Amino acid sequence: MRRFAAERAWEPFHTPKNLAMALAGEAGEVIEHFQWLTAEQSLALPPATRDEVAFELADVLLYLVRLGDVLGIDLADAARRKMLLNAQRYPVERAHGRADKHDRL
């Protein structure tokens, strides 16, 4: 992503604010594919729609990776640390089968 952006001289546009906004916009495009679907329909997307969702998810991932890079955040490390925190917040014995937020378990 860094090289791709540099080759196009996009660094001035890739500020954290702009990348966060682009990330949110792309996430919205993912959501559009599921709006008004039932839970069952969302699990059984037609192949063409699934391909469209795949590209929107790729856009989300790419903007997220670029944002992490610009901010100097190791996303893999952040994800590992967040999962450790989640394990503390959502212990199996209290969270199993529940969708409650950690402070309501």
Protein backbone atom coordinates (compact mmCIF):
# COMPACT_ATOMS: atom_id res chain seq x y z
CA MET A 1 0.00 0.00 0.00
CA ARG A 2 2.80 2.40 0.89
CA ARG A 3 4.55 1.84 -2.45
CA PHE A 4 1.26 1.98 -4.37
CA ALA A 5 0.44 5.35 -2.80
CA ALA A 6 3.98 6.68 -3.27
CA GLU A 7 4.04 5.77 -6.96
CA ARG A 8 0.94 7.91 -7.41
CA ALA A 9 2.14 10.74 -5.13
CA TRP A 10 -0.90 10.27 -2.90
CA GLU A 11 0.91 10.80 0.40
CA PRO A 12 -0.45 14.37 0.84
CA PHE A 13 -3.99 12.99 0.61
CA HIS A 14 -3.39 10.00 2.88
CA THR A 15 -3.73 11.81 6.17
CA PRO A 16 -5.21 9.90 9.09
CA LYS A 17 -8.39 11.98 8.85
CA ASN A 18 -8.85 11.30 5.14
CA LEU A 19 -8.04 7.62 5.45
CA ALA A 20 -10.44 7.21 8.39
CA MET A 21 -13.18 8.89 6.40
CA ALA A 22 -12.47 6.70 3.36
CA LEU A 23 -12.51 3.63 5.61
CA ALA A 24 -15.91 4.61 7.01
CA GLY A 25 -17.24 5.24 3.51
CA GLU A 26 -16.13 1.83 2.31
CA ALA A 27 -17.62 0.17 5.39
CA GLY A 28 -20.87 1.90 4.47
CA GLU A 29 -20.66 0.35 1.00
CA VAL A 30 -20.38 -3.08 2.63
CA ILE A 31 -23.45 -2.32 4.71
CA GLU A 32 -25.46 -1.33 1.63
CA HIS A 33 -25.29 -4.90 0.36
CA PHE A 34 -26.97 -6.19 3.52
CA GLN A 35 -29.51 -3.45 4.13
CA TRP A 36 -33.05 -4.82 4.03
CA LEU A 37 -31.94 -8.47 3.87
CA THR A 38 -33.10 -11.01 6.37
CA ALA A 39 -30.49 -12.85 8.41
CA GLU A 40 -31.02 -15.88 6.18
CA GLN A 41 -30.63 -13.87 2.98
CA SER A 42 -27.43 -12.28 4.28
CA LEU A 43 -25.96 -15.77 4.75
CA ALA A 44 -26.86 -16.87 1.21
CA LEU A 45 -25.74 -14.06 -1.08
CA PRO A 46 -25.95 -14.68 -4.82
CA PRO A 47 -22.48 -15.21 -6.34
CA ALA A 48 -22.42 -11.81 -8.07
CA THR A 49 -23.35 -10.00 -4.85
CA ARG A 50 -20.80 -12.03 -2.91
CA ASP A 51 -18.11 -10.91 -5.38
CA GLU A 52 -19.18 -7.27 -4.94
CA VAL A 53 -19.03 -7.66 -1.15
CA ALA A 54 -15.57 -9.23 -1.47
CA PHE A 55 -14.28 -6.13 -3.28
CA GLU A 56 -15.87 -3.79 -0.75
CA LEU A 57 -14.28 -5.78 2.08
CA ALA A 58 -10.96 -5.54 0.26
CA ASP A 59 -11.38 -1.76 0.11
CA VAL A 60 -12.02 -1.68 3.86
CA LEU A 61 -8.97 -3.83 4.51
CA LEU A 62 -6.72 -1.76 2.26
CA TYR A 63 -7.75 1.55 3.82
CA LEU A 64 -7.34 0.04 7.28
CA VAL A 65 -3.84 -1.22 6.46
CA ARG A 66 -2.87 2.15 4.98
CA LEU A 67 -4.23 4.01 8.02
CA GLY A 68 -2.29 1.75 10.35
CA ASP A 69 0.84 2.32 8.28
CA VAL A 70 0.48 6.11 8.25
CA LEU A 71 -0.03 6.10 12.04
CA GLY A 72 2.79 3.63 12.66
CA ILE A 73 0.46 1.07 14.21
CA ASP A 74 1.27 -2.63 13.93
CA LEU A 75 -2.21 -3.94 13.24
CA ALA A 76 -1.32 -7.58 13.92
CA ASP A 77 0.08 -6.64 17.33
CA ALA A 78 -2.91 -4.41 18.08
CA ALA A 79 -5.29 -7.24 17.14
CA ARG A 80 -3.46 -9.71 19.41
CA ARG A 81 -3.55 -7.27 22.32
CA LYS A 82 -7.25 -6.55 21.71
CA MET A 83 -8.08 -10.27 21.70
CA LEU A 84 -6.32 -10.65 25.06
CA LEU A 85 -8.38 -7.76 26.41
CA ASN A 86 -11.56 -9.28 24.94
CA ALA A 87 -10.77 -12.59 26.62
CA GLN A 88 -10.68 -10.76 29.96
CA ARG A 89 -13.85 -8.79 29.24
CA TYR A 90 -15.77 -11.77 27.89
CA PRO A 91 -14.80 -14.83 29.92
CA VAL A 92 -16.32 -17.99 28.47
CA GLU A 93 -18.19 -18.85 31.65
CA ARG A 94 -20.08 -15.53 31.56
CA ALA A 95 -20.24 -14.72 27.84
CA HIS A 96 -21.02 -18.13 26.32
CA GLY A 97 -24.14 -17.86 24.17
CA ARG A 98 -24.75 -14.22 25.09
CA ALA A 99 -24.52 -11.07 22.99
CA ASP A 100 -24.37 -8.67 25.93
CA LYS A 101 -21.68 -6.01 26.18
CA HIS A 102 -18.92 -6.87 28.68
CA ASP A 103 -20.21 -4.46 31.32
CA ARG A 104 -23.61 -6.20 31.28
CA LEU A 105 -22.50 -9.81 31.67
